[in-house]
PDB file of N, CA and C in Angstrom:
ATOM      1  N   MET A   1       7.210  -3.859  -1.234  1.00  0.00           N
ATOM      2  CA  MET A   1       8.146  -4.380  -0.419  1.00  0.00           C
ATOM      3  C   MET A   1       7.450  -5.615   0.525  1.00  0.00           C
ATOM      4  N   GLN A   2       8.099  -6.181   1.171  1.00  0.00           N
ATOM      5  CA  GLN A   2       7.547  -7.261   2.139  1.00  0.00           C
ATOM      6  C   GLN A   2       7.953  -6.338   3.571  1.00  0.00           C
ATOM      7  N   ILE A   3       7.029  -6.711   4.419  1.00  0.00           N
ATOM      8  CA  ILE A   3       6.877  -6.283   5.633  1.00  0.00           C
ATOM      9  C   ILE A   3       6.457  -7.303   6.717  1.00  0.00           C
ATOM     10  N   SER A   4       7.109  -7.399   7.808  1.00  0.00           N
ATOM     11  CA  SER A   4       6.949  -8.221   9.142  1.00  0.00           C
ATOM     12  C   SER A   4       6.834  -7.338  10.374  1.00  0.00           C
ATOM     13  N   ILE A   5       5.684  -7.504  10.869  1.00  0.00           N
ATOM     14  CA  ILE A   5       5.455  -6.653  12.420  1.00  0.00           C
ATOM     15  C   ILE A   5       5.633  -7.678  13.080  1.00  0.00           C
ATOM     16  N   LEU A   6       6.760  -7.461  14.001  1.00  0.00           N
ATOM     17  CA  LEU A   6       6.918  -8.660  15.325  1.00  0.00           C
ATOM     18  C   LEU A   6       6.956  -8.234  16.772  1.00  0.00           C
ATOM     19  N   GLU A   7       6.312  -8.989  17.650  1.00  0.00           N
ATOM     20  CA  GLU A   7       6.498  -8.632  18.777  1.00  0.00           C
ATOM     21  C   GLU A   7       7.239  -9.562  19.455  1.00  0.00           C
ATOM     22  N   PRO A   8       7.843  -9.834  20.650  1.00  0.00           N
ATOM     23  CA  PRO A   8       8.797 -10.505  21.292  1.00  0.00           C
ATOM     24  C   PRO A   8       8.114 -12.042  21.038  1.00  0.00           C
ATOM     25  N   LYS A   9       6.911 -12.351  21.389  1.00  0.00           N
ATOM     26  CA  LYS A   9       6.261 -13.930  21.260  1.00  0.00           C
ATOM     27  C   LYS A   9       5.501 -14.203  20.072  1.00  0.00           C
ATOM     28  N   LYS A  10       4.992 -12.995  18.873  1.00  0.00           N
ATOM     29  CA  LYS A  10       4.464 -13.730  17.999  1.00  0.00           C
ATOM     30  C   LYS A  10       4.552 -12.679  16.772  1.00  0.00           C
ATOM     31  N   ALA A  11       4.087 -12.778  15.637  1.00  0.00           N
ATOM     32  CA  ALA A  11       4.139 -12.207  14.335  1.00  0.00           C
ATOM     33  C   ALA A  11       2.872 -11.410  14.466  1.00  0.00           C
ATOM     34  N   VAL A  12       2.634 -10.054  14.473  1.00  0.00           N
ATOM     35  CA  VAL A  12       1.506  -9.174  14.430  1.00  0.00           C
ATOM     36  C   VAL A  12       0.630  -9.250  13.248  1.00  0.00           C
ATOM     37  N   TRP A  13       1.514  -8.940  11.935  1.00  0.00           N
ATOM     38  CA  TRP A  13       1.074  -8.499  10.652  1.00  0.00           C
ATOM     39  C   TRP A  13       2.436  -8.809   9.536  1.00  0.00           C
ATOM     40  N   GLU A  14       1.901  -9.582   8.612  1.00  0.00           N
ATOM     41  CA  GLU A  14       3.054  -9.703   7.680  1.00  0.00           C
ATOM     42  C   GLU A  14       2.359  -9.479   6.383  1.00  0.00           C
ATOM     43  N   GLY A  15       2.646  -8.997   5.717  1.00  0.00           N
ATOM     44  CA  GLY A  15       2.118  -8.469   4.113  1.00  0.00           C
ATOM     45  C   GLY A  15       3.129  -7.548   3.515  1.00  0.00           C
ATOM     46  N   ARG A  16       2.141  -7.411   2.128  1.00  0.00           N
ATOM     47  CA  ARG A  16       2.863  -6.288   1.226  1.00  0.00           C
ATOM     48  C   ARG A  16       2.519  -4.851   1.098  1.00  0.00           C
ATOM     49  N   ALA A  17       3.551  -3.886   1.172  1.00  0.00           N
ATOM     50  CA  ALA A  17       3.032  -2.607   0.937  1.00  0.00           C
ATOM     51  C   ALA A  17       3.642  -2.057   0.119  1.00  0.00           C
ATOM     52  N   LYS A  18       3.238  -0.731  -0.601  1.00  0.00           N
ATOM     53  CA  LYS A  18       4.135   0.053  -1.554  1.00  0.00           C
ATOM     54  C   LYS A  18       4.704   1.303  -0.795  1.00  0.00           C
ATOM     55  N   GLU A  19       4.083   1.501   0.329  1.00  0.00           N
ATOM     56  CA  GLU A  19       4.205   2.706   1.214  1.00  0.00           C
ATOM     57  C   GLU A  19       4.163   2.583   2.564  1.00  0.00           C
ATOM     58  N   VAL A  20       5.039   2.912   3.400  1.00  0.00           N
ATOM     59  CA  VAL A  20       4.915   2.637   4.757  1.00  0.00           C
ATOM     60  C   VAL A  20       5.494   3.501   5.626  1.00  0.00           C
ATOM     61  N   ARG A  21       4.603   4.374   6.513  1.00  0.00           N
ATOM     62  CA  ARG A  21       4.884   5.777   7.435  1.00  0.00           C
ATOM     63  C   ARG A  21       5.240   5.122   8.941  1.00  0.00           C
ATOM     64  N   LEU A  22       6.287   5.374   9.108  1.00  0.00           N
ATOM     65  CA  LEU A  22       6.674   5.022  10.382  1.00  0.00           C
ATOM     66  C   LEU A  22       6.894   6.176  11.483  1.00  0.00           C
ATOM     67  N   PRO A  23       6.700   6.075  12.681  1.00  0.00           N
ATOM     68  CA  PRO A  23       7.106   7.167  13.607  1.00  0.00           C
ATOM     69  C   PRO A  23       8.375   7.292  14.016  1.00  0.00           C
ATOM     70  N   THR A  24       9.081   8.122  14.258  1.00  0.00           N
ATOM     71  CA  THR A  24      10.641   7.638  14.506  1.00  0.00           C
ATOM     72  C   THR A  24      11.034   9.023  15.609  1.00  0.00           C
ATOM     73  N   GLN A  25      12.085   9.001  16.217  1.00  0.00           N
ATOM     74  CA  GLN A  25      12.520   9.990  17.226  1.00  0.00           C
ATOM     75  C   GLN A  25      12.616  11.387  16.195  1.00  0.00           C
ATOM     76  N   ASP A  26      12.821  11.444  14.859  1.00  0.00           N
ATOM     77  CA  ASP A  26      13.145  12.508  14.314  1.00  0.00           C
ATOM     78  C   ASP A  26      11.918  13.056  13.805  1.00  0.00           C
ATOM     79  N   GLY A  27      11.035  12.260  13.895  1.00  0.00           N
ATOM     80  CA  GLY A  27       9.496  12.596  13.010  1.00  0.00           C
ATOM     81  C   GLY A  27       8.769  11.409  11.906  1.00  0.00           C
ATOM     82  N   GLU A  28       8.067  11.552  11.428  1.00  0.00           N
ATOM     83  CA  GLU A  28       7.731  10.189  10.564  1.00  0.00           C
ATOM     84  C   GLU A  28       8.275  10.383   9.430  1.00  0.00           C
ATOM     85  N   ILE A  29       8.354   9.105   8.851  1.00  0.00           N
ATOM     86  CA  ILE A  29       9.407   8.733   7.922  1.00  0.00           C
ATOM     87  C   ILE A  29       8.685   7.882   7.132  1.00  0.00           C
ATOM     88  N   CYS A  30       8.592   8.005   5.532  1.00  0.00           N
ATOM     89  CA  CYS A  30       7.657   7.610   4.610  1.00  0.00           C
ATOM     90  C   CYS A  30       8.941   6.508   3.831  1.00  0.00           C
ATOM     91  N   VAL A  31       8.455   5.349   3.772  1.00  0.00           N
ATOM     92  CA  VAL A  31       9.191   4.326   3.162  1.00  0.00           C
ATOM     93  C   VAL A  31       8.748   3.568   1.887  1.00  0.00           C
ATOM     94  N   LEU A  32       9.306   3.856   0.683  1.00  0.00           N
ATOM     95  CA  LEU A  32       9.124   2.966  -0.490  1.00  0.00           C
ATOM     96  C   LEU A  32       9.363   2.089  -1.161  1.00  0.00           C
ATOM     97  N   ASP A  33       9.058   1.519  -1.838  1.00  0.00           N
ATOM     98  CA  ASP A  33       9.804   0.402  -2.441  1.00  0.00           C
ATOM     99  C   ASP A  33      11.287   0.558  -3.065  1.00  0.00           C
ATOM    100  N   PHE A  34      11.826  -0.113  -2.357  1.00  0.00           N
ATOM    101  CA  PHE A  34      13.516  -0.248  -2.826  1.00  0.00           C
ATOM    102  C   PHE A  34      14.035   0.877  -2.231  1.00  0.00           C
ATOM    103  N   HIS A  35      13.642   1.217  -1.395  1.00  0.00           N
ATOM    104  CA  HIS A  35      14.456   2.591  -0.130  1.00  0.00           C
ATOM    105  C   HIS A  35      15.659   1.739   0.160  1.00  0.00           C
ATOM    106  N   GLN A  36      16.555   2.903   0.029  1.00  0.00           N
ATOM    107  CA  GLN A  36      17.847   2.311   0.599  1.00  0.00           C
ATOM    108  C   GLN A  36      17.843   1.543   2.004  1.00  0.00           C
ATOM    109  N   PRO A  37      18.538   0.613   2.348  1.00  0.00           N
ATOM    110  CA  PRO A  37      18.688   0.026   3.701  1.00  0.00           C
ATOM    111  C   PRO A  37      18.770   1.035   5.115  1.00  0.00           C
ATOM    112  N   PHE A  38      18.250   0.512   5.862  1.00  0.00           N
ATOM    113  CA  PHE A  38      18.528   1.529   7.150  1.00  0.00           C
ATOM    114  C   PHE A  38      17.849   0.524   8.421  1.00  0.00           C
ATOM    115  N   LEU A  39      18.582   1.138   9.703  1.00  0.00           N
ATOM    116  CA  LEU A  39      18.004   0.750  10.890  1.00  0.00           C
ATOM    117  C   LEU A  39      17.742   1.740  11.537  1.00  0.00           C
ATOM    118  N   VAL A  40      16.449   2.272  11.989  1.00  0.00           N
ATOM    119  CA  VAL A  40      15.835   3.293  12.895  1.00  0.00           C
ATOM    120  C   VAL A  40      14.740   2.850  13.926  1.00  0.00           C
ATOM    121  N   ARG A  41      15.342   3.960  14.875  1.00  0.00           N
ATOM    122  CA  ARG A  41      14.272   3.498  16.300  1.00  0.00           C
ATOM    123  C   ARG A  41      12.791   4.172  16.024  1.00  0.00           C
ATOM    124  N   LEU A  42      11.861   3.222  16.555  1.00  0.00           N
ATOM    125  CA  LEU A  42      10.571   3.753  16.727  1.00  0.00           C
ATOM    126  C   LEU A  42      10.178   4.146  17.985  1.00  0.00           C
ATOM    127  N   THR A  43       9.441   5.251  17.998  1.00  0.00           N
ATOM    128  CA  THR A  43       8.792   6.082  19.034  1.00  0.00           C
ATOM    129  C   THR A  43       7.146   5.698  19.158  1.00  0.00           C
ATOM    130  N   LYS A  44       6.574   6.083  20.244  1.00  0.00           N
ATOM    131  CA  LYS A  44       5.056   6.106  20.321  1.00  0.00           C
ATOM    132  C   LYS A  44       4.216   6.621  19.071  1.00  0.00           C
ATOM    133  N   GLY A  45       3.182   5.834  18.415  1.00  0.00           N
ATOM    134  CA  GLY A  45       2.666   6.576  17.231  1.00  0.00           C
ATOM    135  C   GLY A  45       1.917   5.291  16.490  1.00  0.00           C
ATOM    136  N   ILE A  46       1.728   5.861  15.081  1.00  0.00           N
ATOM    137  CA  ILE A  46       0.891   4.835  14.487  1.00  0.00           C
ATOM    138  C   ILE A  46       1.977   4.413  13.258  1.00  0.00           C
ATOM    139  N   VAL A  47       1.724   3.204  12.972  1.00  0.00           N
ATOM    140  CA  VAL A  47       2.690   2.655  11.763  1.00  0.00           C
ATOM    141  C   VAL A  47       1.368   2.330  10.688  1.00  0.00           C
ATOM    142  N   ARG A  48       1.975   2.959   9.494  1.00  0.00           N
ATOM    143  CA  ARG A  48       0.929   2.896   8.391  1.00  0.00           C
ATOM    144  C   ARG A  48       1.174   2.136   7.468  1.00  0.00           C
ATOM    145  N   ALA A  49       0.555   1.272   6.969  1.00  0.00           N
ATOM    146  CA  ALA A  49       1.551   0.324   5.907  1.00  0.00           C
ATOM    147  C   ALA A  49       0.083   0.083   4.857  1.00  0.00           C
ATOM    148  N   ASP A  50       0.035   1.017   3.553  1.00  0.00           N
ATOM    149  CA  ASP A  50      -1.031   1.001   2.584  1.00  0.00           C
ATOM    150  C   ASP A  50      -2.182   1.243   3.553  1.00  0.00           C
ATOM    151  N   LYS A  51      -3.058   0.515   3.632  1.00  0.00           N
ATOM    152  CA  LYS A  51      -4.473   0.518   4.414  1.00  0.00           C
ATOM    153  C   LYS A  51      -4.424   0.141   6.236  1.00  0.00           C
ATOM    154  N   GLN A  52      -3.681  -0.580   6.121  1.00  0.00           N
ATOM    155  CA  GLN A  52      -3.410  -1.425   7.467  1.00  0.00           C
ATOM    156  C   GLN A  52      -2.929  -0.054   8.760  1.00  0.00           C
ATOM    157  N   ARG A  53      -3.103  -0.239   9.566  1.00  0.00           N
ATOM    158  CA  ARG A  53      -3.053   0.802  10.870  1.00  0.00           C
ATOM    159  C   ARG A  53      -2.400  -0.004  12.210  1.00  0.00           C
ATOM    160  N   LEU A  54      -1.546   0.444  12.930  1.00  0.00           N
ATOM    161  CA  LEU A  54      -1.213  -0.064  13.965  1.00  0.00           C
ATOM    162  C   LEU A  54      -0.305   0.625  14.958  1.00  0.00           C
ATOM    163  N   ALA A  55      -1.039   0.910  15.835  1.00  0.00           N
ATOM    164  CA  ALA A  55      -0.605   1.874  17.484  1.00  0.00           C
ATOM    165  C   ALA A  55       0.788   0.863  18.164  1.00  0.00           C
ATOM    166  N   ILE A  56       1.578   1.605  18.234  1.00  0.00           N
ATOM    167  CA  ILE A  56       2.870   1.051  18.840  1.00  0.00           C
ATOM    168  C   ILE A  56       3.715   2.053  20.176  1.00  0.00           C
ATOM    169  N   LYS A  57       4.069   1.256  20.758  1.00  0.00           N
ATOM    170  CA  LYS A  57       4.816   2.230  22.086  1.00  0.00           C
ATOM    171  C   LYS A  57       6.033   2.563  21.669  1.00  0.00           C
ATOM    172  N   ASP A  58       6.930   1.484  21.125  1.00  0.00           N
ATOM    173  CA  ASP A  58       8.117   1.740  20.762  1.00  0.00           C
ATOM    174  C   ASP A  58       8.647   0.428  20.011  1.00  0.00           C
ATOM    175  N   GLY A  59       9.967   0.542  19.554  1.00  0.00           N
ATOM    176  CA  GLY A  59      10.390  -0.343  18.446  1.00  0.00           C
ATOM    177  C   GLY A  59      11.584  -0.234  17.921  1.00  0.00           C
ATOM    178  N   LEU A  60      11.840  -1.002  16.817  1.00  0.00           N
ATOM    179  CA  LEU A  60      12.952  -0.746  15.606  1.00  0.00           C
ATOM    180  C   LEU A  60      12.445  -1.243  14.462  1.00  0.00           C
ATOM    181  N   ALA A  61      12.963  -0.764  13.547  1.00  0.00           N
ATOM    182  CA  ALA A  61      12.486  -0.776  11.831  1.00  0.00           C
ATOM    183  C   ALA A  61      13.867  -1.068  11.054  1.00  0.00           C
ATOM    184  N   PHE A  62      13.841  -2.438  10.698  1.00  0.00           N
ATOM    185  CA  PHE A  62      14.993  -2.679   9.502  1.00  0.00           C
ATOM    186  C   PHE A  62      14.921  -2.812   8.598  1.00  0.00           C
ATOM    187  N   LEU A  63      15.565  -2.189   7.205  1.00  0.00           N
ATOM    188  CA  LEU A  63      14.892  -2.723   5.900  1.00  0.00           C
ATOM    189  C   LEU A  63      16.430  -2.940   5.285  1.00  0.00           C
ATOM    190  N   GLN A  64      16.163  -3.912   4.748  1.00  0.00           N
ATOM    191  CA  GLN A  64      17.288  -4.260   3.801  1.00  0.00           C
ATOM    192  C   GLN A  64      16.768  -5.516   2.538  1.00  0.00           C
ATOM    193  N   SER A  65      17.221  -5.135   1.758  1.00  0.00           N
ATOM    194  CA  SER A  65      16.588  -6.032   0.314  1.00  0.00           C
ATOM    195  C   SER A  65      14.881  -5.988   0.123  1.00  0.00           C
ATOM    196  N   ASN A  66      14.795  -4.952   0.228  1.00  0.00           N
ATOM    197  CA  ASN A  66      13.448  -4.340  -0.015  1.00  0.00           C
ATOM    198  C   ASN A  66      12.268  -5.153   0.892  1.00  0.00           C
ATOM    199  N   ASN A  67      13.128  -5.683   2.109  1.00  0.00           N
ATOM    200  CA  ASN A  67      12.109  -6.626   3.469  1.00  0.00           C
ATOM    201  C   ASN A  67      12.132  -5.630   4.556  1.00  0.00           C
ATOM    202  N   LEU A  68      11.078  -5.090   5.060  1.00  0.00           N
ATOM    203  CA  LEU A  68      10.995  -4.550   6.270  1.00  0.00           C
ATOM    204  C   LEU A  68      10.602  -5.105   6.969  1.00  0.00           C
ATOM    205  N   ILE A  69      11.291  -5.277   8.454  1.00  0.00           N
ATOM    206  CA  ILE A  69      11.193  -5.758   9.520  1.00  0.00           C
ATOM    207  C   ILE A  69      10.955  -4.755  10.783  1.00  0.00           C
ATOM    208  N   LEU A  70      10.126  -4.785  11.589  1.00  0.00           N
ATOM    209  CA  LEU A  70       9.480  -4.024  12.544  1.00  0.00           C
ATOM    210  C   LEU A  70       9.379  -5.225  13.723  1.00  0.00           C
ATOM    211  N   PHE A  71      10.339  -4.607  14.751  1.00  0.00           N
ATOM    212  CA  PHE A  71      10.153  -5.158  16.066  1.00  0.00           C
ATOM    213  C   PHE A  71       9.852  -4.133  17.243  1.00  0.00           C
ATOM    214  N   VAL A  72       8.495  -4.686  17.387  1.00  0.00           N
ATOM    215  CA  VAL A  72       7.607  -3.363  18.287  1.00  0.00           C
ATOM    216  C   VAL A  72       7.187  -4.027  19.550  1.00  0.00           C
ATOM    217  N   GLU A  73       6.847  -3.060  20.547  1.00  0.00           N
ATOM    218  CA  GLU A  73       6.184  -3.054  21.789  1.00  0.00           C
ATOM    219  C   GLU A  73       4.345  -2.751  21.320  1.00  0.00           C
ATOM    220  N   ILE A  74       3.496  -3.531  21.551  1.00  0.00           N
ATOM    221  CA  ILE A  74       2.388  -2.514  21.461  1.00  0.00           C
ATOM    222  C   ILE A  74       1.869  -2.273  22.964  1.00  0.00           C
TER     223      ILE A  74
END
């Protein structure tokens, strides 16, 4: 899937990954290729996209058409 991690003023990271782990209010979720569309609130934690790691404070994750967009505060 295509991933874009965005802050208010810039793109933090863009690339492709087969698996992404997201910290949410209900616990960590794992997103794989062609997951059903969703919108979820992110909480403080680590976003893992294959071998990439990013610590975040807060954010939103939106997935549609195998494109995952994360709006985050670092």
